[in-house]
Amino acid sequence: MNPTEYKSKADYPSVLTAKDVQEILGIGERQTYELLNSGQFHVVRVGRMIKISKEVFLKWLEG
C-alpha cells in the first residue's frame, strides 16, 4: 500500500515510519525528526531508520 493511499489512521501499519508520522501530522521532515528525537515517546532505531508503534504514537497524539 502506498502511503498516499491511507484514508485514516487505522489504515496505517502497526509500526510507523517517520514518513507515516509526517503524513499523519501534516508537518515537515525536519519537525518530524525533531519530534521523534525529543524523547516524548519510545522509538526504535533500525540503522538510520526510526520506527514507532502506531499504538504508542496514537496514545501520545490523543493526549
PDB file of N, CA and C in Angstrom:
ATOM      1  N   MET A   1       0.844  -1.180   0.000  1.00  0.00           N
ATOM      2  CA  MET A   1       0.000   0.000   0.000  1.00  0.00           C
ATOM      3  C   MET A   1       0.887   1.240   0.000  1.00  0.00           C
ATOM      4  N   ASN A   2       0.660   2.138  -0.884  1.00  0.00           N
ATOM      5  CA  ASN A   2       1.385   3.393  -0.975  1.00  0.00           C
ATOM      6  C   ASN A   2       0.908   4.316   0.142  1.00  0.00           C
ATOM      7  N   PRO A   3       1.825   5.015   0.842  1.00  0.00           N
ATOM      8  CA  PRO A   3       1.407   5.882   1.944  1.00  0.00           C
ATOM      9  C   PRO A   3       0.343   6.906   1.556  1.00  0.00           C
ATOM     10  N   THR A   4       0.332   7.347   0.323  1.00  0.00           N
ATOM     11  CA  THR A   4      -0.657   8.337  -0.091  1.00  0.00           C
ATOM     12  C   THR A   4      -2.050   7.735  -0.205  1.00  0.00           C
ATOM     13  N   GLU A   5      -2.167   6.410  -0.122  1.00  0.00           N
ATOM     14  CA  GLU A   5      -3.459   5.742  -0.221  1.00  0.00           C
ATOM     15  C   GLU A   5      -4.147   5.590   1.131  1.00  0.00           C
ATOM     16  N   TYR A   6      -3.473   5.913   2.237  1.00  0.00           N
ATOM     17  CA  TYR A   6      -4.078   5.772   3.553  1.00  0.00           C
ATOM     18  C   TYR A   6      -5.224   6.764   3.692  1.00  0.00           C
ATOM     19  N   LYS A   7      -6.344   6.275   4.179  1.00  0.00           N
ATOM     20  CA  LYS A   7      -7.519   7.129   4.339  1.00  0.00           C
ATOM     21  C   LYS A   7      -7.725   7.541   5.793  1.00  0.00           C
ATOM     22  N   SER A   8      -7.342   6.694   6.732  1.00  0.00           N
ATOM     23  CA  SER A   8      -7.498   7.010   8.147  1.00  0.00           C
ATOM     24  C   SER A   8      -6.304   6.449   8.911  1.00  0.00           C
ATOM     25  N   LYS A   9      -6.175   6.860  10.160  1.00  0.00           N
ATOM     26  CA  LYS A   9      -5.068   6.365  10.977  1.00  0.00           C
ATOM     27  C   LYS A   9      -5.110   4.846  11.118  1.00  0.00           C
ATOM     28  N   ALA A  10      -6.299   4.275  11.086  1.00  0.00           N
ATOM     29  CA  ALA A  10      -6.449   2.822  11.220  1.00  0.00           C
ATOM     30  C   ALA A  10      -5.841   2.074  10.038  1.00  0.00           C
ATOM     31  N   ASP A  11      -5.706   2.739   8.896  1.00  0.00           N
ATOM     32  CA  ASP A  11      -5.154   2.103   7.698  1.00  0.00           C
ATOM     33  C   ASP A  11      -3.631   1.987   7.724  1.00  0.00           C
ATOM     34  N   TYR A  12      -2.972   2.714   8.619  1.00  0.00           N
ATOM     35  CA  TYR A  12      -1.511   2.671   8.684  1.00  0.00           C
ATOM     36  C   TYR A  12      -1.052   1.357   9.308  1.00  0.00           C
ATOM     37  N   PRO A  13       0.170   0.920   9.017  1.00  0.00           N
ATOM     38  CA  PRO A  13       0.680  -0.329   9.605  1.00  0.00           C
ATOM     39  C   PRO A  13       0.888  -0.185  11.109  1.00  0.00           C
ATOM     40  N   SER A  14       1.063  -1.299  11.798  1.00  0.00           N
ATOM     41  CA  SER A  14       1.210  -1.273  13.256  1.00  0.00           C
ATOM     42  C   SER A  14       2.534  -0.658  13.700  1.00  0.00           C
ATOM     43  N   VAL A  15       3.517  -0.614  12.808  1.00  0.00           N
ATOM     44  CA  VAL A  15       4.786   0.050  13.087  1.00  0.00           C
ATOM     45  C   VAL A  15       4.950   1.171  12.067  1.00  0.00           C
ATOM     46  N   LEU A  16       5.011   2.397  12.570  1.00  0.00           N
ATOM     47  CA  LEU A  16       5.073   3.570  11.702  1.00  0.00           C
ATOM     48  C   LEU A  16       6.506   3.978  11.404  1.00  0.00           C
ATOM     49  N   THR A  17       6.689   4.600  10.259  1.00  0.00           N
ATOM     50  CA  THR A  17       7.965   5.209   9.891  1.00  0.00           C
ATOM     51  C   THR A  17       7.861   6.709  10.133  1.00  0.00           C
ATOM     52  N   ALA A  18       8.982   7.396  10.024  1.00  0.00           N
ATOM     53  CA  ALA A  18       8.977   8.849  10.149  1.00  0.00           C
ATOM     54  C   ALA A  18       8.067   9.468   9.093  1.00  0.00           C
ATOM     55  N   LYS A  19       8.069   8.914   7.908  1.00  0.00           N
ATOM     56  CA  LYS A  19       7.217   9.425   6.826  1.00  0.00           C
ATOM     57  C   LYS A  19       5.738   9.282   7.187  1.00  0.00           C
ATOM     58  N   ASP A  20       5.359   8.168   7.805  1.00  0.00           N
ATOM     59  CA  ASP A  20       3.976   7.977   8.240  1.00  0.00           C
ATOM     60  C   ASP A  20       3.584   9.048   9.259  1.00  0.00           C
ATOM     61  N   VAL A  21       4.452   9.274  10.242  1.00  0.00           N
ATOM     62  CA  VAL A  21       4.190  10.285  11.272  1.00  0.00           C
ATOM     63  C   VAL A  21       4.051  11.659  10.622  1.00  0.00           C
ATOM     64  N   GLN A  22       4.931  11.946   9.688  1.00  0.00           N
ATOM     65  CA  GLN A  22       4.893  13.221   8.972  1.00  0.00           C
ATOM     66  C   GLN A  22       3.550  13.405   8.264  1.00  0.00           C
ATOM     67  N   GLU A  23       3.079  12.367   7.600  1.00  0.00           N
ATOM     68  CA  GLU A  23       1.806  12.444   6.875  1.00  0.00           C
ATOM     69  C   GLU A  23       0.618  12.586   7.820  1.00  0.00           C
ATOM     70  N   ILE A  24       0.627  11.845   8.922  1.00  0.00           N
ATOM     71  CA  ILE A  24      -0.481  11.913   9.877  1.00  0.00           C
ATOM     72  C   ILE A  24      -0.585  13.310  10.473  1.00  0.00           C
ATOM     73  N   LEU A  25       0.561  13.885  10.842  1.00  0.00           N
ATOM     74  CA  LEU A  25       0.554  15.191  11.492  1.00  0.00           C
ATOM     75  C   LEU A  25       0.520  16.357  10.512  1.00  0.00           C
ATOM     76  N   GLY A  26       0.895  16.105   9.266  1.00  0.00           N
ATOM     77  CA  GLY A  26       0.923  17.181   8.280  1.00  0.00           C
ATOM     78  C   GLY A  26       2.015  18.194   8.555  1.00  0.00           C
ATOM     79  N   ILE A  27       3.176  17.699   9.001  1.00  0.00           N
ATOM     80  CA  ILE A  27       4.305  18.582   9.298  1.00  0.00           C
ATOM     81  C   ILE A  27       5.471  18.241   8.382  1.00  0.00           C
ATOM     82  N   GLY A  28       6.492  19.067   8.424  1.00  0.00           N
ATOM     83  CA  GLY A  28       7.649  18.867   7.573  1.00  0.00           C
ATOM     84  C   GLY A  28       8.596  17.806   8.106  1.00  0.00           C
ATOM     85  N   GLU A  29       9.555  17.444   7.276  1.00  0.00           N
ATOM     86  CA  GLU A  29      10.517  16.402   7.636  1.00  0.00           C
ATOM     87  C   GLU A  29      11.357  16.801   8.846  1.00  0.00           C
ATOM     88  N   ARG A  30      11.828  18.041   8.868  1.00  0.00           N
ATOM     89  CA  ARG A  30      12.666  18.499   9.979  1.00  0.00           C
ATOM     90  C   ARG A  30      11.898  18.437  11.298  1.00  0.00           C
ATOM     91  N   GLN A  31      10.664  18.934  11.288  1.00  0.00           N
ATOM     92  CA  GLN A  31       9.849  18.909  12.501  1.00  0.00           C
ATOM     93  C   GLN A  31       9.546  17.480  12.939  1.00  0.00           C
ATOM     94  N   THR A  32       9.354  16.589  11.977  1.00  0.00           N
ATOM     95  CA  THR A  32       9.088  15.182  12.293  1.00  0.00           C
ATOM     96  C   THR A  32      10.260  14.571  13.040  1.00  0.00           C
ATOM     97  N   TYR A  33      11.473  14.763  12.523  1.00  0.00           N
ATOM     98  CA  TYR A  33      12.641  14.180  13.181  1.00  0.00           C
ATOM     99  C   TYR A  33      12.921  14.844  14.522  1.00  0.00           C
ATOM    100  N   GLU A  34      12.648  16.134  14.655  1.00  0.00           N
ATOM    101  CA  GLU A  34      12.789  16.787  15.958  1.00  0.00           C
ATOM    102  C   GLU A  34      11.841  16.147  16.973  1.00  0.00           C
ATOM    103  N   LEU A  35      10.604  15.895  16.556  1.00  0.00           N
ATOM    104  CA  LEU A  35       9.625  15.257  17.432  1.00  0.00           C
ATOM    105  C   LEU A  35      10.063  13.844  17.807  1.00  0.00           C
ATOM    106  N   LEU A  36      10.477  13.059  16.816  1.00  0.00           N
ATOM    107  CA  LEU A  36      10.870  11.674  17.082  1.00  0.00           C
ATOM    108  C   LEU A  36      12.122  11.585  17.947  1.00  0.00           C
ATOM    109  N   ASN A  37      12.965  12.603  17.902  1.00  0.00           N
ATOM    110  CA  ASN A  37      14.176  12.616  18.721  1.00  0.00           C
ATOM    111  C   ASN A  37      13.979  13.328  20.058  1.00  0.00           C
ATOM    112  N   SER A  38      12.775  13.824  20.331  1.00  0.00           N
ATOM    113  CA  SER A  38      12.515  14.625  21.530  1.00  0.00           C
ATOM    114  C   SER A  38      12.398  13.794  22.808  1.00  0.00           C
ATOM    115  N   GLY A  39      12.191  12.488  22.674  1.00  0.00           N
ATOM    116  CA  GLY A  39      12.037  11.641  23.850  1.00  0.00           C
ATOM    117  C   GLY A  39      10.628  11.634  24.418  1.00  0.00           C
ATOM    118  N   GLN A  40       9.663  12.190  23.694  1.00  0.00           N
ATOM    119  CA  GLN A  40       8.287  12.231  24.187  1.00  0.00           C
ATOM    120  C   GLN A  40       7.610  10.868  24.147  1.00  0.00           C
ATOM    121  N   PHE A  41       8.135   9.961  23.333  1.00  0.00           N
ATOM    122  CA  PHE A  41       7.620   8.597  23.265  1.00  0.00           C
ATOM    123  C   PHE A  41       8.737   7.676  22.803  1.00  0.00           C
ATOM    124  N   HIS A  42       8.551   6.379  23.060  1.00  0.00           N
ATOM    125  CA  HIS A  42       9.569   5.379  22.731  1.00  0.00           C
ATOM    126  C   HIS A  42       9.631   5.146  21.225  1.00  0.00           C
ATOM    127  N   VAL A  43      10.836   5.210  20.688  1.00  0.00           N
ATOM    128  CA  VAL A  43      11.065   4.886  19.282  1.00  0.00           C
ATOM    129  C   VAL A  43      12.133   3.800  19.209  1.00  0.00           C
ATOM    130  N   VAL A  44      12.162   3.092  18.103  1.00  0.00           N
ATOM    131  CA  VAL A  44      13.172   2.064  17.870  1.00  0.00           C
ATOM    132  C   VAL A  44      13.985   2.490  16.663  1.00  0.00           C
ATOM    133  N   ARG A  45      15.289   2.458  16.820  1.00  0.00           N
ATOM    134  CA  ARG A  45      16.175   2.810  15.712  1.00  0.00           C
ATOM    135  C   ARG A  45      16.665   1.530  15.050  1.00  0.00           C
ATOM    136  N   VAL A  46      16.496   1.485  13.744  1.00  0.00           N
ATOM    137  CA  VAL A  46      16.962   0.360  12.936  1.00  0.00           C
ATOM    138  C   VAL A  46      17.905   0.963  11.912  1.00  0.00           C
ATOM    139  N   GLY A  47      19.202   0.889  12.224  1.00  0.00           N
ATOM    140  CA  GLY A  47      20.156   1.598  11.376  1.00  0.00           C
ATOM    141  C   GLY A  47      19.872   3.082  11.471  1.00  0.00           C
ATOM    142  N   ARG A  48      19.636   3.708  10.336  1.00  0.00           N
ATOM    143  CA  ARG A  48      19.309   5.134  10.317  1.00  0.00           C
ATOM    144  C   ARG A  48      17.808   5.389  10.375  1.00  0.00           C
ATOM    145  N   MET A  49      17.021   4.323  10.280  1.00  0.00           N
ATOM    146  CA  MET A  49      15.561   4.483  10.302  1.00  0.00           C
ATOM    147  C   MET A  49      15.047   4.553  11.734  1.00  0.00           C
ATOM    148  N   ILE A  50      13.964   5.289  11.897  1.00  0.00           N
ATOM    149  CA  ILE A  50      13.285   5.371  13.186  1.00  0.00           C
ATOM    150  C   ILE A  50      11.901   4.766  13.014  1.00  0.00           C
ATOM    151  N   LYS A  51      11.560   3.839  13.895  1.00  0.00           N
ATOM    152  CA  LYS A  51      10.250   3.178  13.866  1.00  0.00           C
ATOM    153  C   LYS A  51       9.537   3.469  15.179  1.00  0.00           C
ATOM    154  N   ILE A  52       8.215   3.569  15.104  1.00  0.00           N
ATOM    155  CA  ILE A  52       7.421   3.814  16.302  1.00  0.00           C
ATOM    156  C   ILE A  52       6.139   2.993  16.224  1.00  0.00           C
ATOM    157  N   SER A  53       5.742   2.459  17.352  1.00  0.00           N
ATOM    158  CA  SER A  53       4.493   1.704  17.425  1.00  0.00           C
ATOM    159  C   SER A  53       3.322   2.645  17.143  1.00  0.00           C
ATOM    160  N   LYS A  54       2.417   2.221  16.280  1.00  0.00           N
ATOM    161  CA  LYS A  54       1.241   3.047  15.981  1.00  0.00           C
ATOM    162  C   LYS A  54       0.429   3.271  17.252  1.00  0.00           C
ATOM    163  N   GLU A  55       0.304   2.233  18.074  1.00  0.00           N
ATOM    164  CA  GLU A  55      -0.462   2.347  19.319  1.00  0.00           C
ATOM    165  C   GLU A  55       0.134   3.414  20.238  1.00  0.00           C
ATOM    166  N   VAL A  56       1.454   3.386  20.412  1.00  0.00           N
ATOM    167  CA  VAL A  56       2.140   4.367  21.254  1.00  0.00           C
ATOM    168  C   VAL A  56       1.964   5.769  20.681  1.00  0.00           C
ATOM    169  N   PHE A  57       2.145   5.896  19.379  1.00  0.00           N
ATOM    170  CA  PHE A  57       2.029   7.201  18.738  1.00  0.00           C
ATOM    171  C   PHE A  57       0.612   7.765  18.876  1.00  0.00           C
ATOM    172  N   LEU A  58      -0.398   6.944  18.628  1.00  0.00           N
ATOM    173  CA  LEU A  58      -1.777   7.434  18.700  1.00  0.00           C
ATOM    174  C   LEU A  58      -2.175   7.791  20.131  1.00  0.00           C
ATOM    175  N   LYS A  59      -1.672   7.053  21.119  1.00  0.00           N
ATOM    176  CA  LYS A  59      -1.930   7.413  22.519  1.00  0.00           C
ATOM    177  C   LYS A  59      -1.320   8.774  22.823  1.00  0.00           C
ATOM    178  N   TRP A  60      -0.097   9.007  22.335  1.00  0.00           N
ATOM    179  CA  TRP A  60       0.546  10.303  22.519  1.00  0.00           C
ATOM    180  C   TRP A  60      -0.260  11.396  21.824  1.00  0.00           C
ATOM    181  N   LEU A  61      -0.693  11.137  20.617  1.00  0.00           N
ATOM    182  CA  LEU A  61      -1.421  12.119  19.822  1.00  0.00           C
ATOM    183  C   LEU A  61      -2.748  12.501  20.479  1.00  0.00           C
ATOM    184  N   GLU A  62      -3.415  11.521  21.058  1.00  0.00           N
ATOM    185  CA  GLU A  62      -4.711  11.764  21.689  1.00  0.00           C
ATOM    186  C   GLU A  62      -4.587  12.352  23.090  1.00  0.00           C
ATOM    187  N   GLY A  63      -3.361  12.426  23.600  1.00  0.00           N
ATOM    188  CA  GLY A  63      -3.112  13.042  24.893  1.00  0.00           C
ATOM    189  C   GLY A  63      -3.352  12.111  26.012  1.00  0.00           C
TER     190      GLY A  63
END
